[in-house]
Amino acid sequence: MNWNCKHTWKRSSINTLWCLVGCSIGDFGTILFFQFTEYSLPTSYILSLAIVNGIITSIILETIVLSFNQPVETAFKTAIGMSLISMIGMEFSMNMVDYFITGGAIITLYTIPPMLIVGFLTPLPYNYYRLKKFNESCH
């Protein structure tokens, strides 16, 4: 495995960034929903729902992006076939940062940057590995 390939790091960074955007929409949306409504659940339930919703929105976003270059059905299958390990790692790490900073499931202006940074860096080496070893790329 060659870990020094700039082209693969660039491609995996772009793929990871798209995933981060999709995951963040669902993740932040779920946490903000419970933060600003009267609905209440235990923090672990909210964070678990945020992970599920983040993965769903990531798949939707990837399907939309991929549909510009391929049929929607193929784009959806590609988005579904993306690595769930990467998405779960991203989501889990983002939520743990939020939990350790705020003690709960709370989005603030000072939690967003560290959540996004950790959410990007956590799956990046794995995405590089998959792209380099299997030439799997969603774009």
Protein backbone atom coordinates (compact mmCIF):
# COMPACT_ATOMS: atom_id res chain seq x y z
CA MET A 1 0.00 0.00 0.00
CA ASN A 2 1.40 3.34 -1.07
CA TRP A 3 0.19 5.98 1.39
CA ASN A 4 2.00 8.80 -0.45
CA CYS A 5 -0.21 9.10 -3.54
CA LYS A 6 -1.33 12.74 -3.71
CA HIS A 7 -3.94 12.00 -6.39
CA THR A 8 -5.62 9.36 -4.19
CA TRP A 9 -5.50 11.62 -1.11
CA LYS A 10 -7.15 14.38 -3.14
CA ARG A 11 -9.86 12.07 -4.51
CA SER A 12 -10.56 10.49 -1.12
CA SER A 13 -10.66 13.96 0.48
CA ILE A 14 -13.27 15.12 -2.03
CA ASN A 15 -15.32 11.95 -1.49
CA THR A 16 -15.05 12.35 2.29
CA LEU A 17 -16.09 16.00 2.05
CA TRP A 18 -19.25 15.11 0.10
CA CYS A 19 -20.06 12.46 2.67
CA LEU A 20 -19.44 14.96 5.48
CA VAL A 21 -21.87 17.45 3.94
CA GLY A 22 -24.58 14.81 3.62
CA CYS A 23 -23.99 13.33 7.05
CA SER A 24 -23.90 16.76 8.70
CA ILE A 25 -27.28 17.76 7.29
CA GLY A 26 -29.03 14.78 8.86
CA ASP A 27 -26.94 14.77 12.02
CA PHE A 28 -27.23 18.48 12.82
CA GLY A 29 -30.89 18.54 11.76
CA THR A 30 -31.79 15.75 14.15
CA ILE A 31 -29.94 17.25 17.09
CA LEU A 32 -31.37 20.72 16.40
CA PHE A 33 -34.89 19.29 16.17
CA PHE A 34 -34.67 17.91 19.68
CA GLN A 35 -32.81 20.97 20.89
CA PHE A 36 -35.50 23.44 19.72
CA THR A 37 -38.71 21.46 20.20
CA GLU A 38 -40.52 20.21 23.24
CA TYR A 39 -39.83 16.58 22.30
CA SER A 40 -37.47 14.87 24.67
CA LEU A 41 -35.49 11.65 24.43
CA PRO A 42 -32.43 10.38 26.25
CA THR A 43 -29.19 11.74 24.78
CA SER A 44 -28.11 8.29 23.56
CA TYR A 45 -31.34 7.96 21.55
CA ILE A 46 -30.94 11.40 20.01
CA LEU A 47 -27.33 10.67 19.02
CA SER A 48 -28.35 7.28 17.59
CA LEU A 49 -31.12 8.91 15.54
CA ALA A 50 -28.63 11.55 14.39
CA ILE A 51 -26.32 8.78 13.09
CA VAL A 52 -29.15 7.08 11.19
CA ASN A 53 -30.43 10.35 9.73
CA GLY A 54 -26.91 11.45 8.82
CA ILE A 55 -26.35 8.24 6.86
CA ILE A 56 -29.71 8.62 5.10
CA THR A 57 -29.05 12.23 4.08
CA SER A 58 -25.55 11.30 2.92
CA ILE A 59 -26.98 8.59 0.67
CA ILE A 60 -29.58 11.03 -0.70
CA LEU A 61 -26.94 13.70 -1.40
CA GLU A 62 -24.59 11.20 -3.06
CA THR A 63 -27.45 9.91 -5.21
CA ILE A 64 -28.21 13.45 -6.37
CA VAL A 65 -24.56 14.24 -7.09
CA LEU A 66 -23.97 10.95 -8.90
CA SER A 67 -27.18 11.30 -10.93
CA PHE A 68 -25.56 14.11 -12.90
CA ASN A 69 -23.22 11.53 -14.47
CA GLN A 70 -25.29 8.34 -14.45
CA PRO A 71 -28.89 7.12 -14.32
CA VAL A 72 -30.64 7.74 -11.00
CA GLU A 73 -31.06 4.01 -10.31
CA THR A 74 -27.33 3.40 -10.78
CA ALA A 75 -26.51 6.49 -8.72
CA PHE A 76 -28.70 5.22 -5.88
CA LYS A 77 -27.11 1.76 -5.96
CA THR A 78 -23.66 3.34 -5.90
CA ALA A 79 -24.59 5.59 -2.98
CA ILE A 80 -26.08 2.65 -1.05
CA GLY A 81 -22.96 0.59 -1.80
CA MET A 82 -20.65 3.19 -0.32
CA SER A 83 -18.87 2.14 2.81
CA LEU A 84 -21.16 2.18 5.82
CA ILE A 85 -18.06 1.74 7.97
CA SER A 86 -16.85 5.14 6.80
CA MET A 87 -20.22 6.80 7.37
CA ILE A 88 -20.75 5.25 10.80
CA GLY A 89 -17.21 6.23 11.84
CA MET A 90 -17.82 9.78 10.68
CA GLU A 91 -21.16 10.05 12.44
CA PHE A 92 -20.01 8.42 15.67
CA SER A 93 -16.91 10.62 15.94
CA MET A 94 -18.91 13.79 15.27
CA ASN A 95 -21.43 12.89 17.96
CA MET A 96 -18.76 11.98 20.48
CA VAL A 97 -17.11 15.38 19.99
CA ASP A 98 -20.47 17.05 20.55
CA TYR A 99 -21.10 14.94 23.65
CA PHE A 100 -17.65 15.59 25.15
CA ILE A 101 -17.87 19.35 24.54
CA THR A 102 -21.47 19.92 25.63
CA GLY A 103 -22.25 16.90 27.80
CA GLY A 104 -25.25 16.10 25.64
CA ALA A 105 -26.70 16.42 22.17
CA ILE A 106 -26.45 20.19 21.71
CA ILE A 107 -25.35 22.10 18.62
CA THR A 108 -23.62 25.43 19.27
CA LEU A 109 -21.37 27.62 17.15
CA TYR A 110 -18.32 26.38 19.05
CA THR A 111 -19.17 22.68 18.63
CA ILE A 112 -19.67 22.74 14.86
CA PRO A 113 -16.02 23.32 13.74
CA PRO A 114 -14.51 20.53 15.90
CA MET A 115 -17.34 18.18 14.94
CA LEU A 116 -16.71 18.80 11.24
CA ILE A 117 -12.93 18.50 11.55
CA VAL A 118 -13.09 15.21 13.44
CA GLY A 119 -15.90 13.98 11.18
CA PHE A 120 -13.69 14.60 8.15
CA LEU A 121 -10.43 13.21 9.55
CA THR A 122 -11.84 10.03 11.09
CA PRO A 123 -12.88 8.21 7.88
CA LEU A 124 -10.28 9.81 5.58
CA PRO A 125 -7.52 7.15 5.93
CA TYR A 126 -10.09 4.37 5.47
CA ASN A 127 -11.51 6.08 2.38
CA TYR A 128 -7.98 6.48 0.99
CA TYR A 129 -7.29 2.79 1.64
CA ARG A 130 -10.49 1.65 -0.11
CA LEU A 131 -9.88 3.93 -3.06
CA LYS A 132 -6.25 2.87 -3.40
CA LYS A 133 -6.73 -0.85 -2.84
CA PHE A 134 -10.04 -1.44 -4.63
CA ASN A 135 -10.19 1.63 -6.87
CA GLU A 136 -13.62 2.30 -5.39
CA SER A 137 -14.76 5.84 -5.72
CA CYS A 138 -18.22 7.34 -5.60
CA HIS A 139 -17.31 10.14 -8.03
